[in-house]
Protein backbone atom coordinates (compact mmCIF):
# COMPACT_ATOMS: atom_id res chain seq x y z
CA MET A 1 0.01 0.18 0.11
CA ILE A 2 1.41 3.30 -0.69
CA GLU A 3 1.27 5.81 1.97
CA GLU A 4 -0.16 9.36 1.22
CA LYS A 5 3.06 10.94 2.49
CA GLU A 6 4.91 9.52 -0.51
CA ILE A 7 2.64 10.83 -3.09
CA TYR A 8 3.16 14.21 -4.41
CA ASP A 9 0.84 16.66 -6.43
CA ILE A 10 3.73 17.60 -8.82
CA THR A 11 7.10 15.90 -9.64
CA ILE A 12 9.18 17.75 -12.15
CA VAL A 13 11.30 15.71 -14.47
CA GLY A 14 14.32 18.02 -15.10
CA GLY A 15 16.01 20.63 -12.77
CA GLY A 16 17.26 23.15 -15.40
CA PRO A 17 15.90 26.74 -15.02
CA VAL A 18 12.36 26.27 -16.59
CA GLY A 19 12.16 23.20 -13.93
CA MET A 20 13.41 25.25 -11.31
CA PHE A 21 11.02 27.85 -11.68
CA ALA A 22 8.09 25.66 -12.31
CA ALA A 23 8.92 24.12 -8.70
CA PHE A 24 9.05 27.43 -7.31
CA TYR A 25 5.70 28.62 -9.06
CA ALA A 26 4.31 25.02 -7.83
CA GLY A 27 5.10 26.10 -4.04
CA MET A 28 3.31 29.57 -4.99
CA ARG A 29 0.01 26.99 -5.37
CA ASN A 30 0.81 25.11 -1.91
CA ALA A 31 1.40 21.99 -4.21
CA LYS A 32 3.59 19.24 -2.56
CA THR A 33 6.46 19.30 -5.11
CA LYS A 34 9.39 17.33 -6.04
CA ILE A 35 12.26 17.37 -8.57
CA ILE A 36 14.06 14.75 -10.18
CA GLU A 37 17.30 15.66 -11.97
CA SER A 38 19.72 13.33 -13.51
CA LEU A 39 22.61 15.81 -13.24
CA PRO A 40 24.63 16.16 -9.97
CA VAL A 41 23.76 19.76 -9.88
CA LEU A 42 20.45 21.97 -10.46
CA GLY A 43 20.65 24.19 -13.34
CA GLY A 44 20.89 21.84 -16.47
CA GLN A 45 22.93 23.01 -19.48
CA VAL A 46 23.09 26.29 -18.03
CA SER A 47 24.95 25.21 -14.98
CA LEU A 48 27.50 22.87 -16.92
CA LEU A 49 27.69 24.86 -20.16
CA TYR A 50 27.20 28.47 -19.73
CA PRO A 51 28.17 29.14 -15.90
CA GLU A 52 29.89 32.41 -16.64
CA LYS A 53 28.30 33.28 -19.91
CA THR A 54 26.23 36.33 -19.69
CA LEU A 55 22.73 35.75 -20.94
CA TYR A 56 20.81 38.99 -22.22
CA ASP A 57 17.49 37.38 -23.03
CA VAL A 58 15.95 36.62 -19.60
CA GLY A 59 13.15 38.92 -18.17
CA GLY A 60 14.13 41.73 -15.73
CA TYR A 61 17.93 41.36 -16.48
CA ALA A 62 20.09 43.62 -18.47
CA GLY A 63 22.61 40.73 -18.46
CA VAL A 64 23.12 38.15 -15.99
CA THR A 65 25.53 34.92 -15.91
CA GLY A 66 24.27 31.65 -15.77
CA ASN A 67 25.71 31.25 -12.28
CA GLU A 68 23.90 34.34 -11.39
CA LEU A 69 20.78 32.91 -12.83
CA ILE A 70 20.72 29.66 -11.51
CA ALA A 71 21.69 31.28 -7.92
CA GLN A 72 18.60 33.52 -8.06
CA LEU A 73 16.26 30.42 -9.07
CA THR A 74 17.68 28.48 -6.03
CA SER A 75 16.72 31.36 -3.86
CA GLN A 76 13.62 31.74 -5.10
CA MET A 77 12.58 28.10 -4.58
CA GLN A 78 14.03 28.14 -1.18
CA HIS A 79 10.84 30.09 -0.22
CA PHE A 80 9.33 26.83 -0.19
CA ASP A 81 10.19 23.19 1.34
CA GLN A 82 10.62 21.31 -2.02
CA THR A 83 12.09 17.81 -2.66
CA VAL A 84 15.19 17.82 -4.80
CA CYS A 85 16.70 14.56 -6.37
CA LEU A 86 19.95 14.75 -7.77
CA GLU A 87 21.72 12.12 -9.77
CA GLU A 88 18.78 10.25 -10.45
CA GLU A 89 17.31 9.62 -14.09
CA VAL A 90 13.63 8.83 -14.58
CA LYS A 91 13.51 5.65 -16.74
CA MET A 92 9.78 4.79 -17.05
CA ILE A 93 6.51 6.43 -16.24
CA GLU A 94 3.23 4.35 -15.32
CA LYS A 95 -0.04 5.73 -15.05
CA LEU A 96 -1.48 3.67 -12.02
CA ASP A 97 -5.17 5.55 -11.64
CA THR A 98 -6.61 8.65 -12.49
CA HIS A 99 -4.30 10.99 -10.22
CA LEU A 100 -1.34 8.51 -9.66
CA PHE A 101 1.75 8.06 -11.61
CA LYS A 102 4.65 5.67 -10.85
CA LEU A 103 8.17 6.93 -11.79
CA SER A 104 10.76 4.20 -11.80
CA THR A 105 14.09 5.97 -11.61
CA SER A 106 17.90 4.85 -11.55
CA LYS A 107 17.87 5.08 -7.93
CA GLY A 108 14.04 3.98 -6.74
CA ILE A 109 10.45 4.66 -7.04
CA HIS A 110 8.44 7.84 -6.76
CA TYR A 111 4.63 8.23 -6.81
CA SER A 112 3.11 11.56 -7.93
CA LYS A 113 -0.57 12.60 -9.15
CA THR A 114 0.72 14.79 -11.93
CA ILE A 115 4.11 15.20 -13.84
CA VAL A 116 5.71 18.31 -15.33
CA VAL A 117 8.58 17.10 -17.81
CA ALA A 118 11.06 19.72 -18.21
CA THR A 119 13.91 17.68 -19.71
CA GLY A 120 15.14 20.41 -21.96
CA GLN A 121 16.79 18.73 -25.08
CA GLY A 122 17.69 15.78 -23.19
CA ALA A 123 21.14 14.24 -22.76
CA PHE A 124 23.79 16.07 -24.60
CA LYS A 125 27.36 16.26 -25.65
CA PRO A 126 29.64 18.27 -27.64
CA ARG A 127 30.30 17.79 -31.04
CA LYS A 128 34.32 17.34 -31.08
CA LEU A 129 36.81 17.92 -33.80
CA THR A 130 37.90 14.82 -35.74
CA LEU A 131 41.45 15.96 -36.23
CA ALA A 132 44.14 13.64 -35.38
CA ASP A 133 45.28 14.35 -31.89
CA ALA A 134 42.47 16.07 -30.74
CA ASP A 135 41.65 13.88 -27.97
CA TYR A 136 45.33 14.06 -26.53
CA TYR A 137 44.62 17.87 -25.96
CA GLU A 138 41.29 17.72 -24.36
CA GLU A 139 42.94 17.32 -20.97
CA THR A 140 44.81 20.41 -21.24
CA ASN A 141 43.92 23.62 -23.57
CA LEU A 142 41.54 22.34 -26.06
CA HIS A 143 38.00 22.98 -24.52
CA TYR A 144 34.68 22.39 -25.83
CA ILE A 145 33.03 23.94 -22.62
CA VAL A 146 33.87 26.98 -20.98
CA LYS A 147 33.82 26.61 -17.13
CA GLU A 148 36.18 29.20 -15.37
CA ILE A 149 36.34 32.42 -17.24
CA GLU A 150 39.40 33.60 -15.35
CA GLN A 151 41.72 30.77 -17.00
CA TYR A 152 41.72 32.64 -20.17
CA ARG A 153 42.95 36.21 -18.76
CA ASP A 154 45.65 37.86 -20.62
CA LYS A 155 46.06 34.55 -22.80
CA THR A 156 45.51 34.38 -26.87
CA VAL A 157 42.21 32.66 -27.40
CA VAL A 158 41.14 30.86 -30.58
CA ILE A 159 37.31 29.96 -30.93
CA CYS A 160 35.92 27.88 -33.65
CA GLY A 161 32.09 28.12 -34.54
CA GLY A 162 29.65 30.72 -36.10
CA GLY A 163 26.68 30.20 -33.82
CA ASP A 164 25.27 32.33 -30.92
CA THR A 165 27.46 30.23 -28.44
CA ALA A 166 30.39 31.01 -30.48
CA VAL A 167 30.20 34.64 -30.94
CA ASP A 168 28.74 34.99 -27.54
CA TRP A 169 32.08 33.54 -25.89
CA ALA A 170 34.21 35.78 -28.22
CA LEU A 171 32.39 38.90 -27.09
CA THR A 172 32.72 37.67 -23.34
CA LEU A 173 36.01 37.13 -23.53
CA GLU A 174 37.13 40.53 -25.55
CA SER A 175 37.59 42.05 -22.18
CA VAL A 176 39.31 39.02 -20.56
CA ALA A 177 42.03 37.80 -22.85
CA GLU A 178 44.77 39.57 -24.42
CA LYS A 179 43.50 38.39 -28.07
CA VAL A 180 40.66 36.72 -29.30
CA TYR A 181 40.24 35.01 -32.83
CA LEU A 182 36.80 33.85 -34.13
CA VAL A 183 37.32 31.24 -36.96
CA HIS A 184 33.98 30.12 -38.93
CA ARG A 185 33.75 27.97 -42.05
CA ARG A 186 31.39 30.40 -43.63
CA GLU A 187 31.52 34.02 -44.53
CA LYS A 188 28.40 34.79 -42.41
CA PHE A 189 27.89 34.18 -38.71
CA ARG A 190 24.55 32.29 -37.56
CA ALA A 191 24.37 34.29 -34.39
CA HIS A 192 21.32 36.78 -33.43
CA GLU A 193 21.81 40.03 -35.60
CA GLY A 194 22.63 42.08 -32.48
CA SER A 195 25.33 40.01 -31.22
CA VAL A 196 26.94 40.04 -35.09
CA ALA A 197 26.61 43.70 -34.89
CA ALA A 198 28.43 43.72 -31.60
CA LEU A 199 31.11 41.27 -32.96
CA ASN A 200 31.81 43.74 -35.82
CA ARG A 201 32.34 46.49 -33.63
CA SER A 202 34.57 44.42 -31.31
CA SER A 203 38.56 44.00 -31.18
CA VAL A 204 37.76 40.05 -32.17
CA LYS A 205 39.89 39.11 -34.97
CA MET A 206 37.53 37.21 -37.33
CA LEU A 207 38.96 34.53 -39.82
CA THR A 208 36.64 33.20 -42.46
CA PRO A 209 35.66 31.07 -44.37
CA TYR A 210 38.13 28.82 -42.65
CA VAL A 211 38.28 25.38 -40.71
CA PRO A 212 40.85 23.69 -38.55
CA HIS A 213 43.37 21.79 -40.38
CA GLU A 214 46.28 20.74 -38.56
CA MET A 215 47.19 21.12 -34.55
CA ILE A 216 50.58 21.47 -33.53
CA GLY A 217 51.92 20.94 -30.01
CA ASN A 218 54.19 19.38 -27.52
CA ASN A 219 54.26 18.23 -23.89
CA ASP A 220 50.80 17.73 -23.99
CA LYS A 221 49.98 21.23 -24.87
CA LEU A 222 48.58 22.57 -28.21
CA ASP A 223 50.41 25.50 -29.28
CA SER A 224 49.17 26.50 -32.53
CA VAL A 225 46.35 25.39 -35.26
CA ILE A 226 46.67 25.83 -39.06
CA PHE A 227 43.44 26.77 -40.55
CA LYS A 228 42.57 25.96 -44.34
CA GLU A 229 40.14 27.82 -46.76
CA THR A 230 36.82 26.15 -46.65
CA LYS A 231 37.09 26.19 -50.57
CA GLY A 232 40.88 26.76 -51.23
CA SER A 233 44.40 26.02 -50.56
CA THR A 234 45.20 28.91 -48.62
CA THR A 235 46.35 28.32 -44.93
CA LYS A 236 46.72 30.64 -41.87
CA LYS A 237 48.75 29.52 -38.73
CA ILE A 238 47.76 31.07 -35.28
CA ASP A 239 49.69 30.67 -32.16
CA LEU A 240 47.41 30.25 -29.07
CA ASP A 241 47.18 29.54 -25.64
CA TYR A 242 43.87 28.14 -25.48
CA PHE A 243 41.54 26.56 -28.46
CA ILE A 244 37.86 26.48 -28.06
CA VAL A 245 35.41 24.77 -30.19
CA ASN A 246 31.77 25.63 -30.50
CA TYR A 247 30.52 23.31 -33.17
CA GLY A 248 27.22 22.82 -30.98
CA PHE A 249 25.97 19.63 -29.23
CA VAL A 250 24.37 16.32 -30.02
CA SER A 251 21.30 15.70 -27.65
CA LYS A 252 19.77 12.35 -27.18
CA LEU A 253 15.68 12.00 -26.00
CA GLY A 254 16.74 9.29 -23.78
CA PRO A 255 14.22 7.33 -21.93
CA VAL A 256 11.20 9.94 -22.71
CA LYS A 257 10.63 8.20 -26.04
CA ASP A 258 9.21 5.06 -23.71
CA TRP A 259 6.71 7.04 -21.36
CA GLY A 260 4.25 6.98 -24.08
CA VAL A 261 3.66 10.84 -24.85
CA ALA A 262 3.05 11.69 -28.05
CA LEU A 263 6.17 13.24 -29.96
CA ASP A 264 7.32 15.08 -33.17
CA ARG A 265 10.67 13.78 -33.86
CA SER A 266 12.45 14.34 -30.57
CA ASP A 267 9.77 17.23 -29.21
CA ILE A 268 6.88 16.38 -26.60
CA VAL A 269 3.64 17.42 -28.23
CA VAL A 270 1.64 19.78 -25.99
CA ASN A 271 -1.57 21.75 -26.52
CA SER A 272 -1.95 25.63 -24.87
CA LYS A 273 -2.41 24.00 -21.17
CA MET A 274 1.07 22.38 -21.96
CA GLU A 275 -0.94 18.94 -21.56
CA THR A 276 0.70 15.99 -23.43
CA SER A 277 -1.12 12.95 -25.06
CA ILE A 278 -1.44 11.48 -21.19
CA ASP A 279 -3.88 13.27 -18.96
CA GLY A 280 -1.88 14.18 -15.72
CA ILE A 281 1.75 14.57 -17.51
CA TYR A 282 2.43 18.42 -18.71
CA ALA A 283 5.63 19.33 -20.38
CA VAL A 284 7.47 22.71 -20.51
CA GLY A 285 10.63 24.45 -22.14
CA ASP A 286 12.66 22.90 -24.88
CA SER A 287 11.39 19.55 -24.54
CA ILE A 288 8.20 20.39 -26.30
CA THR A 289 6.74 21.73 -29.15
CA PHE A 290 3.45 23.25 -30.22
CA ASP A 291 2.58 25.64 -33.29
CA GLY A 292 4.46 28.85 -32.93
CA LYS A 293 6.91 27.50 -30.18
CA ILE A 294 9.95 29.45 -29.64
CA LYS A 295 12.83 27.93 -27.73
CA LEU A 296 13.84 30.23 -25.23
CA ILE A 297 14.47 30.31 -21.28
CA ALA A 298 12.26 33.33 -20.94
CA THR A 299 9.20 31.54 -22.86
CA GLY A 300 9.81 28.51 -20.92
CA PHE A 301 9.29 30.49 -17.69
CA GLY A 302 5.86 31.39 -19.09
CA GLU A 303 4.91 27.94 -20.03
CA ALA A 304 5.89 26.73 -16.41
CA PRO A 305 2.86 28.66 -14.63
CA THR A 306 0.25 27.35 -17.35
CA ALA A 307 1.67 23.72 -16.74
CA VAL A 308 1.54 24.03 -12.92
CA ASN A 309 -1.88 26.16 -12.83
CA HIS A 310 -3.72 23.35 -15.14
CA ALA A 311 -2.02 20.37 -13.00
CA ILE A 312 -3.56 21.81 -10.06
CA HIS A 313 -6.79 22.37 -11.27
CA SER A 314 -6.81 18.84 -12.57
CA ILE A 315 -6.18 17.54 -9.16
CA TYR A 316 -8.37 19.94 -6.96
CA PRO A 317 -11.16 20.97 -9.28
CA LYS A 318 -12.46 23.49 -6.80
CA LYS A 319 -9.10 25.49 -7.11
CA HIS A 320 -9.20 28.06 -9.93
CA THR A 321 -6.74 27.59 -12.91
CA GLN A 322 -6.01 31.29 -12.57
CA PRO A 323 -4.58 32.14 -9.23
CA ILE A 324 -4.13 35.23 -6.97
CA GLN A 325 -1.46 37.58 -8.17
CA SER A 326 1.87 37.11 -6.51
CA THR A 327 1.81 40.84 -5.36
CA THR A 328 -0.92 39.62 -2.47
CA LEU A 329 1.51 37.30 -0.93
CA SER A 330 4.56 37.60 1.22
CA PHE A 331 7.58 35.80 2.18
CA LYS A 332 9.44 35.87 5.44
CA GLU A 333 13.41 36.52 4.52
């Protein structure tokens, strides 16, 4: 027999920024809430990939680093006594009754009346260089993820890539490193127009259209990289202290595909209430798709309250979907 104390109103699968905000908002609705996160820390990709990168598309902030954003979300969650389970992956979800789900994880069993999936883009890993000896330098100065910005201070840094991450890191490191190069295989960058405009005004040295051709180093350390024209034979050698490669990430859906929810390729299909094809399971953030969906942290923050409010209403029909405004509440500091 399942004890009532073991059953949660809402279990959030995924502890990234959107999952964290969903947990906070569930607390606002006085819901007994649990987060299950497969990583050892809350914050998801923001904590692991962009801890010191400045984010500019989060409402209310002129600019905020990944670490600062997660710290604020953590502080926000601490208004309520939410249960957090880290390093635990949800393997299977079974519906036992109208308002009872069984979640089987890598560590045990959990029970919940409703579920909010906030797994983002799933498990991910960086796209790596295929050049000879690339693996050899990963332990020293070839990086795919920027973790500590201070290690690049007063150094020569070469960045490869043409998307938002590469351009953003070039702009971020401009004021830290002695010299920053940005190398891309195309003439034009694929980043946001505002970022590209800032790049053109910056001191970052751009090399296009070129790709890495050969790596030169000794004593376990990469000393320089030879770049070759994408459609030509001209080469350029750049001496460096650090080589950062931002070719994007490969994500895997993982166990979600076995949970029975309707999918569109690797995205969970939801309606305007953030409901999936299974009653009682909702989904938010980068893990979902609907007509007009935009994948940004900011939009995920808006989807979280929608999912939570409809989940609460499904459990307790007498509770309104539209709650009172947060300005009517007060928290003890």
